[in-house]
C-alpha cells in the first residue's frame, strides 16, 4: 500500500506592536511571548525597534499552526502581570480557537503575512497600511542609511518592473518610481526631504520588501 503524505509548508509571520502611549518602561526591550496552541513550547523572541515606538519580529511556523501569544517588556515569566500587555476583551481575543481568554492568536496562513497591533488593544497601528506585507527580498540593499542626500536602492537584475514607494511615518506617499533596471540600481531622490524616519516599500510583482530609512 502506498501512503501519500501531504507536504508541510513553512510561513514567515511578522508580528508588530506599537508601544506609543503604552506608558511601559522599554529599557529592556519588547518581546513576543508565545508558541503553538497545544504545546509547552512558548518562547520569548526579542523584537526589533523599528522607530516611532514600533517593534517587530519575524518567526517561521508551519501552515495551519495555531499560535497563542502576547507582547511583553521582559523575557521572563516573573511578575508576569506587571510586564505583559493587558489581557484583551473577549470581543477581540482568540478564545474561539485558543480555548482560553485574554490572549492574541493566529491560525498560520499558507503565505507569509504580517499582524500588527497597538499595545494592549484590538486596534491596528496607523502605519499598518504601509507595512502589511512581510519583508522578503533580503538581498535588496538601501544605502546610505542613515542618509544626508539621495539614496540608492540596489537589487539583483530582473526582467520585472520594480516599483519603489516612499512614505513618511504617518503613511503619506511622497515618492513613486517604476523602472526596468539594467544595472540593478535605482536612485531615490530624498535630498530635499526633512530629516526623520521614512518607510521604503520595494516590490517586483512577486515579493515585497519594507525597509525603514533615516534621513539626517
N, C-alpha and C. Protein backbone atom coordinates (compact mmCIF):
# COMPACT_ATOMS: atom_id res chain seq x y z
N UNK A 1 0.85 -1.19 0.00
CA UNK A 1 0.00 0.00 0.00
C UNK A 1 0.88 1.24 0.00
N UNK A 2 0.55 2.17 -0.86
CA UNK A 2 1.30 3.41 -0.95
C UNK A 2 0.60 4.47 -0.12
N UNK A 3 1.34 5.10 0.75
CA UNK A 3 0.79 6.16 1.59
C UNK A 3 1.33 7.50 1.12
N UNK A 4 0.44 8.40 0.80
CA UNK A 4 0.85 9.73 0.35
C UNK A 4 0.82 10.69 1.54
N UNK A 5 1.91 11.40 1.74
CA UNK A 5 2.00 12.38 2.82
C UNK A 5 1.94 13.78 2.23
N UNK A 6 1.01 14.57 2.71
CA UNK A 6 0.91 15.94 2.22
C UNK A 6 2.10 16.76 2.71
N UNK A 7 2.68 17.59 1.85
CA UNK A 7 3.82 18.40 2.27
C UNK A 7 3.42 19.44 3.30
N UNK A 8 4.33 19.78 4.19
CA UNK A 8 4.10 20.83 5.18
C UNK A 8 4.86 22.07 4.73
N UNK A 9 4.17 23.17 4.60
CA UNK A 9 4.78 24.40 4.12
C UNK A 9 5.03 25.34 5.28
N UNK A 10 6.17 25.99 5.26
CA UNK A 10 6.51 26.95 6.30
C UNK A 10 6.07 28.34 5.88
N UNK A 11 5.72 29.14 6.87
CA UNK A 11 5.24 30.50 6.65
C UNK A 11 5.96 31.45 7.59
N UNK A 12 6.47 32.56 7.06
CA UNK A 12 7.07 33.60 7.90
C UNK A 12 5.97 34.56 8.35
N UNK A 13 5.83 34.70 9.65
CA UNK A 13 4.85 35.62 10.21
C UNK A 13 5.60 36.76 10.89
N UNK A 14 5.32 37.97 10.50
CA UNK A 14 5.90 39.15 11.13
C UNK A 14 4.88 39.71 12.12
N UNK A 15 5.28 39.76 13.40
CA UNK A 15 4.44 40.31 14.45
C UNK A 15 4.94 41.72 14.76
N UNK A 16 4.03 42.67 14.85
CA UNK A 16 4.39 44.05 15.13
C UNK A 16 3.51 44.60 16.24
N UNK A 17 4.09 45.47 17.06
CA UNK A 17 3.32 46.12 18.11
C UNK A 17 3.76 47.57 18.23
N UNK A 18 2.79 48.47 18.32
CA UNK A 18 3.08 49.87 18.58
C UNK A 18 3.02 50.11 20.09
N UNK A 19 4.10 50.64 20.64
CA UNK A 19 4.16 50.92 22.07
C UNK A 19 3.84 52.38 22.39
N UNK A 20 3.44 53.13 21.37
CA UNK A 20 3.16 54.54 21.56
C UNK A 20 2.02 54.72 22.56
N UNK A 21 2.26 55.50 23.60
CA UNK A 21 1.25 55.76 24.60
C UNK A 21 1.03 54.64 25.60
N UNK A 22 1.88 53.61 25.57
CA UNK A 22 1.69 52.47 26.47
C UNK A 22 2.06 52.79 27.92
N UNK A 23 2.99 53.74 28.10
CA UNK A 23 3.46 54.07 29.44
C UNK A 23 4.38 53.03 30.04
N UNK A 24 4.80 52.03 29.24
CA UNK A 24 5.66 50.97 29.74
C UNK A 24 7.13 51.37 29.69
N UNK A 25 7.93 50.82 30.59
CA UNK A 25 9.37 51.00 30.58
C UNK A 25 9.95 50.10 29.50
N UNK A 26 10.56 50.69 28.48
CA UNK A 26 11.06 49.93 27.34
C UNK A 26 12.57 49.73 27.39
N UNK A 27 13.18 49.99 28.54
CA UNK A 27 14.64 49.91 28.64
C UNK A 27 15.17 48.49 28.42
N UNK A 28 14.34 47.48 28.72
CA UNK A 28 14.75 46.09 28.49
C UNK A 28 14.29 45.57 27.14
N UNK A 29 13.62 46.41 26.36
CA UNK A 29 13.14 45.99 25.05
C UNK A 29 11.71 45.50 25.11
N UNK A 30 11.24 45.03 23.97
CA UNK A 30 9.90 44.47 23.84
C UNK A 30 10.04 43.07 23.26
N UNK A 31 9.21 42.13 23.72
CA UNK A 31 9.35 40.73 23.33
C UNK A 31 8.01 40.15 22.90
N UNK A 32 8.07 39.23 21.97
CA UNK A 32 6.95 38.36 21.62
C UNK A 32 7.03 37.16 22.55
N UNK A 33 5.92 36.83 23.22
CA UNK A 33 5.86 35.64 24.06
C UNK A 33 4.73 34.76 23.53
N UNK A 34 5.08 33.57 23.04
CA UNK A 34 4.02 32.73 22.50
C UNK A 34 4.55 31.46 21.87
N UNK A 35 3.64 30.72 21.27
CA UNK A 35 4.02 29.47 20.63
C UNK A 35 2.79 28.68 20.22
N UNK A 36 3.01 27.39 19.93
CA UNK A 36 1.95 26.51 19.46
C UNK A 36 0.87 26.35 20.52
N UNK A 37 -0.35 26.39 20.10
CA UNK A 37 -1.53 26.38 20.98
C UNK A 37 -1.51 25.23 21.99
N UNK A 38 -1.29 24.01 21.53
CA UNK A 38 -1.48 22.85 22.41
C UNK A 38 -0.17 22.24 22.89
N UNK A 39 0.86 23.05 22.94
CA UNK A 39 2.15 22.53 23.38
C UNK A 39 2.71 23.37 24.51
N UNK A 40 3.86 22.95 25.01
CA UNK A 40 4.55 23.71 26.06
C UNK A 40 5.77 24.42 25.49
N UNK A 41 5.61 24.92 24.29
CA UNK A 41 6.76 25.47 23.56
C UNK A 41 6.75 26.99 23.49
N UNK A 42 6.03 27.63 24.42
CA UNK A 42 6.03 29.08 24.39
C UNK A 42 7.43 29.61 24.67
N UNK A 43 7.84 30.58 23.86
CA UNK A 43 9.19 31.13 23.98
C UNK A 43 9.12 32.65 23.88
N UNK A 44 10.23 33.27 24.28
CA UNK A 44 10.40 34.71 24.11
C UNK A 44 11.22 34.97 22.85
N UNK A 45 10.80 35.97 22.09
CA UNK A 45 11.57 36.41 20.93
C UNK A 45 11.74 37.92 21.03
N UNK A 46 12.99 38.38 21.05
CA UNK A 46 13.25 39.81 21.12
C UNK A 46 12.76 40.49 19.85
N UNK A 47 12.12 41.63 20.00
CA UNK A 47 11.60 42.38 18.87
C UNK A 47 12.53 43.53 18.52
N UNK A 48 12.58 43.87 17.25
CA UNK A 48 13.45 44.94 16.75
C UNK A 48 12.74 46.28 16.82
N UNK A 49 13.43 47.27 17.33
CA UNK A 49 12.90 48.63 17.38
C UNK A 49 12.93 49.22 15.97
N UNK A 50 11.76 49.42 15.36
CA UNK A 50 11.68 49.94 14.00
C UNK A 50 11.56 51.46 13.97
N UNK A 51 11.57 52.09 15.14
CA UNK A 51 11.40 53.53 15.21
C UNK A 51 9.94 53.91 15.41
N UNK A 52 9.72 55.11 15.92
CA UNK A 52 8.38 55.64 16.18
C UNK A 52 7.58 54.68 17.06
N UNK A 53 8.26 54.06 18.04
CA UNK A 53 7.62 53.18 19.04
C UNK A 53 7.06 51.89 18.44
N UNK A 54 7.51 51.53 17.24
CA UNK A 54 7.04 50.30 16.59
C UNK A 54 8.11 49.22 16.70
N UNK A 55 7.69 48.00 17.13
CA UNK A 55 8.61 46.88 17.30
C UNK A 55 8.12 45.70 16.46
N UNK A 56 9.07 44.92 15.92
CA UNK A 56 8.69 43.80 15.06
C UNK A 56 9.60 42.60 15.25
N UNK A 57 9.08 41.43 14.92
CA UNK A 57 9.88 40.21 14.87
C UNK A 57 9.23 39.28 13.85
N UNK A 58 10.05 38.55 13.10
CA UNK A 58 9.55 37.58 12.13
C UNK A 58 9.90 36.18 12.59
N UNK A 59 8.90 35.31 12.67
CA UNK A 59 9.07 33.94 13.17
C UNK A 59 8.49 32.98 12.14
N UNK A 60 9.16 31.87 11.92
CA UNK A 60 8.69 30.88 10.95
C UNK A 60 7.87 29.80 11.65
N UNK A 61 6.67 29.57 11.15
CA UNK A 61 5.80 28.50 11.63
C UNK A 61 5.40 27.63 10.45
N UNK A 62 4.67 26.56 10.73
CA UNK A 62 4.09 25.75 9.68
C UNK A 62 2.68 26.22 9.37
N UNK A 63 2.29 26.10 8.12
CA UNK A 63 0.93 26.44 7.72
C UNK A 63 -0.08 25.68 8.60
N UNK A 64 -1.11 26.38 9.04
CA UNK A 64 -2.21 25.87 9.85
C UNK A 64 -1.85 25.67 11.32
N UNK A 65 -0.61 26.01 11.73
CA UNK A 65 -0.31 26.02 13.16
C UNK A 65 -1.25 27.01 13.86
N UNK A 66 -1.67 26.67 15.07
CA UNK A 66 -2.47 27.59 15.88
C UNK A 66 -1.56 28.20 16.93
N UNK A 67 -1.40 29.51 16.87
CA UNK A 67 -0.45 30.23 17.70
C UNK A 67 -1.19 31.07 18.74
N UNK A 68 -0.77 30.98 19.99
CA UNK A 68 -1.21 31.90 21.02
C UNK A 68 -0.05 32.79 21.40
N UNK A 69 -0.33 34.06 21.69
CA UNK A 69 0.79 34.96 22.00
C UNK A 69 0.30 36.24 22.65
N UNK A 70 1.26 36.99 23.18
CA UNK A 70 1.04 38.37 23.61
C UNK A 70 2.39 39.06 23.61
N UNK A 71 2.39 40.37 23.83
CA UNK A 71 3.63 41.14 23.87
C UNK A 71 3.97 41.46 25.32
N UNK A 72 5.27 41.59 25.60
CA UNK A 72 5.73 41.75 26.98
C UNK A 72 7.03 42.55 26.98
N UNK A 73 7.34 43.22 28.08
CA UNK A 73 8.53 44.06 28.13
C UNK A 73 9.66 43.43 28.96
N UNK A 74 9.66 42.13 29.07
CA UNK A 74 10.79 41.40 29.66
C UNK A 74 10.78 39.98 29.09
N UNK A 75 11.91 39.29 29.18
CA UNK A 75 11.99 37.92 28.67
C UNK A 75 12.01 36.93 29.83
N UNK A 76 11.04 37.08 30.72
CA UNK A 76 10.92 36.23 31.90
C UNK A 76 9.46 36.12 32.28
N UNK A 77 9.09 34.98 32.92
CA UNK A 77 7.73 34.80 33.39
C UNK A 77 7.53 35.40 34.79
N UNK A 78 8.59 35.93 35.39
CA UNK A 78 8.49 36.50 36.73
C UNK A 78 7.60 37.75 36.71
N UNK A 79 6.75 37.89 37.74
CA UNK A 79 5.88 39.07 37.86
C UNK A 79 5.19 39.39 36.53
N UNK A 80 4.61 38.36 35.96
CA UNK A 80 4.09 38.43 34.60
C UNK A 80 3.13 39.59 34.37
N UNK A 81 2.17 39.75 35.26
CA UNK A 81 1.14 40.76 35.04
C UNK A 81 1.69 42.18 35.03
N UNK A 82 2.87 42.37 35.59
CA UNK A 82 3.47 43.70 35.65
C UNK A 82 4.07 44.10 34.30
N UNK A 83 4.45 43.10 33.49
CA UNK A 83 5.21 43.39 32.28
C UNK A 83 4.48 43.03 30.98
N UNK A 84 3.53 42.10 31.04
CA UNK A 84 2.83 41.73 29.81
C UNK A 84 1.73 42.73 29.51
N UNK A 85 1.29 42.78 28.26
CA UNK A 85 0.20 43.69 27.92
C UNK A 85 -1.09 43.20 28.57
N UNK A 86 -2.01 44.12 28.84
CA UNK A 86 -3.27 43.72 29.48
C UNK A 86 -4.01 42.67 28.65
N UNK A 87 -4.72 41.80 29.34
CA UNK A 87 -5.49 40.79 28.62
C UNK A 87 -6.58 41.47 27.80
N UNK A 88 -6.79 40.97 26.59
CA UNK A 88 -7.72 41.57 25.66
C UNK A 88 -9.16 41.21 26.02
N UNK A 89 -10.12 42.07 25.67
CA UNK A 89 -11.53 41.71 25.88
C UNK A 89 -11.93 40.58 24.93
N UNK A 90 -12.98 39.86 25.31
CA UNK A 90 -13.40 38.72 24.50
C UNK A 90 -13.84 39.11 23.10
N UNK A 91 -14.19 40.38 22.92
CA UNK A 91 -14.62 40.82 21.59
C UNK A 91 -13.51 40.74 20.56
N UNK A 92 -12.25 40.69 21.00
CA UNK A 92 -11.16 40.63 20.02
C UNK A 92 -10.03 39.69 20.42
N UNK A 93 -10.17 38.94 21.52
CA UNK A 93 -9.14 37.94 21.80
C UNK A 93 -9.42 36.71 20.92
N UNK A 94 -8.66 35.66 21.12
CA UNK A 94 -8.79 34.48 20.25
C UNK A 94 -9.30 33.27 21.01
N UNK A 95 -10.21 33.51 21.96
CA UNK A 95 -10.71 32.41 22.78
C UNK A 95 -11.47 31.37 21.96
N UNK A 96 -12.00 31.77 20.80
CA UNK A 96 -12.78 30.83 19.99
C UNK A 96 -11.96 29.62 19.58
N UNK A 97 -10.67 29.83 19.28
CA UNK A 97 -9.86 28.68 18.87
C UNK A 97 -8.68 28.39 19.79
N UNK A 98 -8.39 29.30 20.74
CA UNK A 98 -7.31 29.02 21.69
C UNK A 98 -7.81 28.18 22.87
N UNK A 99 -9.04 28.42 23.27
CA UNK A 99 -9.58 27.69 24.40
C UNK A 99 -9.44 28.44 25.72
N UNK A 100 -8.88 29.63 25.71
CA UNK A 100 -8.82 30.47 26.92
C UNK A 100 -8.95 31.93 26.51
N UNK A 101 -9.20 32.77 27.49
CA UNK A 101 -9.49 34.18 27.23
C UNK A 101 -8.25 35.06 27.39
N UNK A 102 -8.27 36.20 26.71
CA UNK A 102 -7.32 37.26 27.00
C UNK A 102 -6.10 37.37 26.13
N UNK A 103 -5.76 36.32 25.37
CA UNK A 103 -4.53 36.34 24.58
C UNK A 103 -4.82 36.54 23.10
N UNK A 104 -3.81 36.98 22.39
CA UNK A 104 -3.89 37.07 20.94
C UNK A 104 -3.69 35.67 20.34
N UNK A 105 -4.16 35.49 19.13
CA UNK A 105 -3.99 34.20 18.49
C UNK A 105 -3.97 34.33 16.99
N UNK A 106 -3.46 33.29 16.35
CA UNK A 106 -3.36 33.29 14.89
C UNK A 106 -3.35 31.86 14.39
N UNK A 107 -4.16 31.57 13.38
CA UNK A 107 -4.04 30.32 12.64
C UNK A 107 -3.19 30.64 11.42
N UNK A 108 -2.01 30.06 11.34
CA UNK A 108 -1.00 30.46 10.36
C UNK A 108 -1.49 30.19 8.95
N UNK A 109 -1.49 31.20 8.08
CA UNK A 109 -1.96 31.02 6.70
C UNK A 109 -0.89 30.37 5.83
N UNK A 110 -1.24 30.14 4.57
CA UNK A 110 -0.32 29.47 3.65
C UNK A 110 0.78 30.40 3.16
N UNK A 111 0.54 31.70 3.14
CA UNK A 111 1.53 32.64 2.63
C UNK A 111 2.03 33.54 3.74
N UNK A 112 3.23 34.09 3.54
CA UNK A 112 3.83 34.98 4.53
C UNK A 112 2.89 36.14 4.83
N UNK A 113 2.86 36.54 6.09
CA UNK A 113 1.89 37.56 6.49
C UNK A 113 2.44 38.41 7.62
N UNK A 114 1.77 39.52 7.88
CA UNK A 114 2.12 40.42 8.97
C UNK A 114 0.87 40.72 9.79
N UNK A 115 1.01 40.67 11.12
CA UNK A 115 -0.06 41.11 12.01
C UNK A 115 0.50 42.21 12.90
N UNK A 116 -0.27 43.26 13.09
CA UNK A 116 0.23 44.42 13.83
C UNK A 116 -0.87 44.99 14.71
N UNK A 117 -0.51 45.35 15.96
CA UNK A 117 -1.49 45.86 16.91
C UNK A 117 -0.88 46.95 17.77
N UNK A 118 -1.75 47.74 18.37
CA UNK A 118 -1.35 48.69 19.40
C UNK A 118 -1.32 47.94 20.73
N UNK A 119 -0.31 48.18 21.54
CA UNK A 119 -0.14 47.51 22.83
C UNK A 119 -1.44 47.51 23.64
N UNK A 120 -1.84 46.32 24.08
CA UNK A 120 -2.97 46.19 24.98
C UNK A 120 -4.33 46.50 24.38
N UNK A 121 -4.42 46.52 23.04
CA UNK A 121 -5.71 46.87 22.44
C UNK A 121 -5.96 45.99 21.22
N UNK A 122 -7.17 46.16 20.67
CA UNK A 122 -7.54 45.43 19.45
C UNK A 122 -7.27 46.26 18.20
N UNK A 123 -6.74 47.46 18.38
CA UNK A 123 -6.52 48.37 17.26
C UNK A 123 -5.23 48.06 16.52
N UNK A 124 -5.23 48.36 15.22
CA UNK A 124 -4.02 48.28 14.43
C UNK A 124 -3.34 49.64 14.41
N UNK A 125 -2.00 49.67 14.40
CA UNK A 125 -1.32 50.97 14.33
C UNK A 125 -1.57 51.65 13.00
N UNK A 126 -1.45 52.94 13.00
CA UNK A 126 -1.73 53.74 11.80
C UNK A 126 -0.88 53.29 10.63
N UNK A 127 0.38 52.87 10.89
CA UNK A 127 1.28 52.53 9.80
C UNK A 127 1.05 51.16 9.23
N UNK A 128 0.08 50.40 9.75
CA UNK A 128 -0.14 49.04 9.26
C UNK A 128 -0.42 49.02 7.77
N UNK A 129 -1.10 50.05 7.27
CA UNK A 129 -1.41 50.06 5.85
C UNK A 129 -0.18 50.10 4.97
N UNK A 130 0.94 50.58 5.52
CA UNK A 130 2.17 50.64 4.75
C UNK A 130 2.93 49.34 4.85
N UNK A 131 2.96 48.76 6.03
CA UNK A 131 3.88 47.66 6.27
C UNK A 131 3.17 46.33 6.42
N UNK A 132 2.06 46.17 5.70
CA UNK A 132 1.30 44.96 5.91
C UNK A 132 1.75 43.79 5.05
N UNK A 133 2.92 43.90 4.43
CA UNK A 133 3.49 42.77 3.71
C UNK A 133 4.81 42.40 4.36
N UNK A 134 5.09 41.12 4.38
CA UNK A 134 6.28 40.64 5.07
C UNK A 134 7.53 40.97 4.29
N UNK A 135 8.57 41.48 4.97
CA UNK A 135 9.84 41.68 4.27
C UNK A 135 10.31 40.37 3.66
N UNK A 136 10.67 40.39 2.36
CA UNK A 136 11.02 39.14 1.69
C UNK A 136 12.31 39.23 0.89
N UNK A 137 12.62 40.37 0.28
CA UNK A 137 13.80 40.47 -0.57
C UNK A 137 15.01 40.89 0.25
N UNK A 138 15.56 39.96 1.01
CA UNK A 138 16.66 40.31 1.89
C UNK A 138 17.92 40.73 1.13
N UNK A 139 17.96 40.40 -0.17
CA UNK A 139 19.13 40.76 -0.96
C UNK A 139 19.10 42.21 -1.39
N UNK A 140 17.99 42.89 -1.24
CA UNK A 140 17.92 44.31 -1.59
C UNK A 140 18.68 45.13 -0.57
N UNK A 141 19.43 46.10 -1.06
CA UNK A 141 20.19 46.99 -0.17
C UNK A 141 19.76 48.42 -0.40
N UNK A 142 19.65 49.15 0.69
CA UNK A 142 19.26 50.56 0.68
C UNK A 142 20.40 51.34 1.31
N UNK A 143 21.08 52.19 0.54
CA UNK A 143 22.25 52.87 1.09
C UNK A 143 22.42 54.25 0.45
N UNK A 144 23.08 55.19 1.17
CA UNK A 144 23.45 55.08 2.59
C UNK A 144 22.20 55.15 3.46
N UNK A 145 22.30 54.63 4.65
CA UNK A 145 21.18 54.64 5.59
C UNK A 145 21.74 54.54 7.01
N UNK A 146 21.73 55.63 7.77
CA UNK A 146 21.11 56.93 7.54
C UNK A 146 21.73 57.67 6.35
N UNK A 147 20.96 58.60 5.78
CA UNK A 147 21.41 59.34 4.61
C UNK A 147 21.24 60.83 4.82
N UNK A 148 22.11 61.59 4.17
CA UNK A 148 22.01 63.05 4.19
C UNK A 148 21.60 63.59 2.83
N UNK A 149 21.62 62.73 1.81
CA UNK A 149 21.24 63.14 0.46
C UNK A 149 20.40 62.06 -0.18
N UNK A 150 20.58 61.86 -1.49
CA UNK A 150 19.81 60.85 -2.19
C UNK A 150 20.23 59.44 -1.76
N UNK A 151 19.34 58.49 -2.00
CA UNK A 151 19.53 57.11 -1.54
C UNK A 151 19.51 56.18 -2.75
N UNK A 152 20.39 55.19 -2.73
CA UNK A 152 20.44 54.19 -3.80
C UNK A 152 19.79 52.90 -3.34
N UNK A 153 18.94 52.35 -4.21
CA UNK A 153 18.33 51.04 -3.98
C UNK A 153 18.99 50.06 -4.94
N UNK A 154 19.66 49.04 -4.39
CA UNK A 154 20.37 48.05 -5.20
C UNK A 154 19.73 46.68 -5.02
N UNK A 155 19.60 45.94 -6.11
CA UNK A 155 18.92 44.64 -6.06
C UNK A 155 19.38 43.81 -7.25
N UNK A 156 19.13 42.50 -7.23
CA UNK A 156 19.51 41.67 -8.37
C UNK A 156 18.82 42.13 -9.65
N UNK A 157 19.49 41.92 -10.77
CA UNK A 157 18.88 42.29 -12.05
C UNK A 157 17.60 41.49 -12.26
N UNK A 158 16.63 42.14 -12.86
CA UNK A 158 15.33 41.50 -13.03
C UNK A 158 14.69 41.96 -14.32
N UNK A 159 13.87 41.11 -14.91
CA UNK A 159 13.11 41.49 -16.10
C UNK A 159 11.75 42.07 -15.73
N UNK A 160 11.45 42.08 -14.44
CA UNK A 160 10.17 42.58 -13.99
C UNK A 160 10.26 44.06 -13.62
N UNK A 161 9.11 44.71 -13.65
CA UNK A 161 9.06 46.10 -13.22
C UNK A 161 9.31 46.18 -11.72
N UNK A 162 10.25 47.03 -11.34
CA UNK A 162 10.50 47.28 -9.92
C UNK A 162 9.74 48.53 -9.53
N UNK A 163 8.97 48.43 -8.47
CA UNK A 163 8.11 49.53 -8.02
C UNK A 163 8.59 49.96 -6.64
N UNK A 164 8.97 51.22 -6.53
CA UNK A 164 9.50 51.75 -5.27
C UNK A 164 8.61 52.89 -4.80
N UNK A 165 8.20 52.81 -3.53
CA UNK A 165 7.36 53.85 -2.95
C UNK A 165 8.00 54.33 -1.65
N UNK A 166 7.94 55.62 -1.42
CA UNK A 166 8.48 56.23 -0.20
C UNK A 166 7.34 56.88 0.56
N UNK A 167 7.23 56.57 1.87
CA UNK A 167 6.19 57.12 2.72
C UNK A 167 6.81 57.80 3.93
N UNK A 168 6.15 58.83 4.42
CA UNK A 168 6.56 59.32 5.73
C UNK A 168 5.91 58.44 6.79
N UNK A 169 6.22 58.66 8.06
CA UNK A 169 5.81 57.73 9.11
C UNK A 169 4.30 57.78 9.34
N UNK A 170 3.62 58.84 8.86
CA UNK A 170 2.17 58.92 9.00
C UNK A 170 1.43 58.14 7.93
N UNK A 171 2.17 57.65 6.92
CA UNK A 171 1.56 56.89 5.85
C UNK A 171 1.36 57.67 4.56
N UNK A 172 1.76 58.93 4.53
CA UNK A 172 1.61 59.75 3.32
C UNK A 172 2.65 59.34 2.29
N UNK A 173 2.19 59.06 1.07
CA UNK A 173 3.11 58.69 -0.01
C UNK A 173 3.82 59.93 -0.54
N UNK A 174 5.16 59.85 -0.61
CA UNK A 174 5.96 61.01 -1.02
C UNK A 174 6.60 60.82 -2.38
N UNK A 175 7.00 59.62 -2.72
CA UNK A 175 7.68 59.34 -3.98
C UNK A 175 7.19 58.00 -4.53
N UNK A 176 7.11 57.90 -5.85
CA UNK A 176 6.84 56.63 -6.53
C UNK A 176 7.77 56.55 -7.72
N UNK A 177 8.38 55.37 -7.93
CA UNK A 177 9.30 55.23 -9.05
C UNK A 177 9.16 53.83 -9.64
N UNK A 178 8.98 53.76 -10.97
CA UNK A 178 8.97 52.49 -11.67
C UNK A 178 10.12 52.48 -12.68
N UNK A 179 10.68 51.31 -12.92
CA UNK A 179 11.79 51.23 -13.85
C UNK A 179 12.02 49.79 -14.26
N UNK A 180 12.68 49.58 -15.39
CA UNK A 180 13.19 48.27 -15.78
C UNK A 180 14.71 48.35 -15.69
N UNK A 181 15.28 48.07 -14.54
CA UNK A 181 16.70 48.33 -14.34
C UNK A 181 17.59 47.37 -15.12
N UNK A 182 18.66 47.91 -15.64
CA UNK A 182 19.71 47.10 -16.27
C UNK A 182 20.85 46.90 -15.30
N UNK A 183 21.19 47.96 -14.60
CA UNK A 183 22.31 47.89 -13.66
C UNK A 183 21.92 47.28 -12.32
N UNK A 184 20.60 47.23 -12.04
CA UNK A 184 20.16 46.73 -10.74
C UNK A 184 20.21 47.80 -9.67
N UNK A 185 20.24 49.08 -10.06
CA UNK A 185 20.26 50.16 -9.09
C UNK A 185 19.31 51.27 -9.51
N UNK A 186 18.63 51.85 -8.54
CA UNK A 186 17.77 53.00 -8.77
C UNK A 186 18.06 54.03 -7.70
N UNK A 187 18.15 55.30 -8.11
CA UNK A 187 18.38 56.39 -7.16
C UNK A 187 17.05 56.96 -6.74
N UNK A 188 16.85 57.03 -5.44
CA UNK A 188 15.64 57.60 -4.87
C UNK A 188 15.99 59.00 -4.38
N UNK A 189 15.36 60.00 -4.95
CA UNK A 189 15.72 61.39 -4.63
C UNK A 189 15.08 61.81 -3.31
N UNK A 190 15.91 61.95 -2.31
CA UNK A 190 15.42 62.29 -0.97
C UNK A 190 16.12 63.50 -0.38
N UNK A 191 17.03 64.11 -1.14
CA UNK A 191 17.87 65.17 -0.58
C UNK A 191 17.05 66.35 -0.08
N UNK A 192 15.90 66.61 -0.68
CA UNK A 192 15.11 67.78 -0.30
C UNK A 192 14.11 67.50 0.82
N UNK A 193 14.05 66.27 1.29
CA UNK A 193 13.07 65.93 2.32
C UNK A 193 13.57 66.30 3.71
N UNK A 194 12.67 66.60 4.63
CA UNK A 194 13.08 66.91 6.01
C UNK A 194 13.71 65.69 6.69
N UNK A 195 14.49 65.96 7.71
CA UNK A 195 15.06 64.87 8.50
C UNK A 195 13.98 64.08 9.20
N UNK A 196 14.23 62.79 9.38
CA UNK A 196 13.25 61.97 10.09
C UNK A 196 13.24 60.55 9.59
N UNK A 197 12.24 59.79 10.04
CA UNK A 197 12.10 58.38 9.71
C UNK A 197 11.10 58.22 8.57
N UNK A 198 11.46 57.39 7.58
CA UNK A 198 10.61 57.12 6.43
C UNK A 198 10.51 55.62 6.21
N UNK A 199 9.51 55.22 5.42
CA UNK A 199 9.31 53.83 5.06
C UNK A 199 9.47 53.69 3.55
N UNK A 200 10.31 52.74 3.12
CA UNK A 200 10.51 52.46 1.70
C UNK A 200 9.92 51.09 1.39
N UNK A 201 9.02 51.05 0.44
CA UNK A 201 8.37 49.81 0.02
C UNK A 201 8.85 49.47 -1.38
N UNK A 202 9.45 48.30 -1.55
CA UNK A 202 10.05 47.88 -2.82
C UNK A 202 9.42 46.56 -3.23
N UNK A 203 8.89 46.49 -4.44
CA UNK A 203 8.29 45.24 -4.91
C UNK A 203 8.62 45.01 -6.38
N UNK A 204 8.66 43.73 -6.76
CA UNK A 204 8.92 43.39 -8.16
C UNK A 204 7.79 42.57 -8.76
N UNK A 205 6.62 42.61 -8.13
CA UNK A 205 5.48 41.88 -8.65
C UNK A 205 5.25 40.56 -7.95
N UNK A 206 6.32 39.96 -7.43
CA UNK A 206 6.21 38.67 -6.74
C UNK A 206 6.36 38.82 -5.24
N UNK A 207 7.29 39.62 -4.84
CA UNK A 207 7.57 39.80 -3.42
C UNK A 207 7.75 41.27 -3.11
N UNK A 208 7.64 41.59 -1.83
CA UNK A 208 7.72 42.97 -1.37
C UNK A 208 8.66 43.05 -0.19
N UNK A 209 9.49 44.08 -0.16
CA UNK A 209 10.37 44.33 0.99
C UNK A 209 10.04 45.70 1.55
N UNK A 210 9.95 45.77 2.87
CA UNK A 210 9.70 47.02 3.56
C UNK A 210 10.96 47.36 4.38
N UNK A 211 11.48 48.56 4.21
CA UNK A 211 12.67 48.99 4.94
C UNK A 211 12.40 50.36 5.55
N UNK A 212 13.04 50.59 6.69
CA UNK A 212 12.97 51.94 7.25
C UNK A 212 14.19 52.71 6.79
N UNK A 213 14.02 54.00 6.56
CA UNK A 213 15.08 54.87 6.09
C UNK A 213 15.15 56.09 7.00
N UNK A 214 16.35 56.41 7.44
CA UNK A 214 16.56 57.57 8.30
C UNK A 214 17.26 58.64 7.51
N UNK A 215 16.65 59.81 7.44
CA UNK A 215 17.28 60.97 6.80
C UNK A 215 17.74 61.91 7.89
N UNK A 216 18.99 62.33 7.81
CA UNK A 216 19.54 63.21 8.85
C UNK A 216 20.14 64.46 8.26
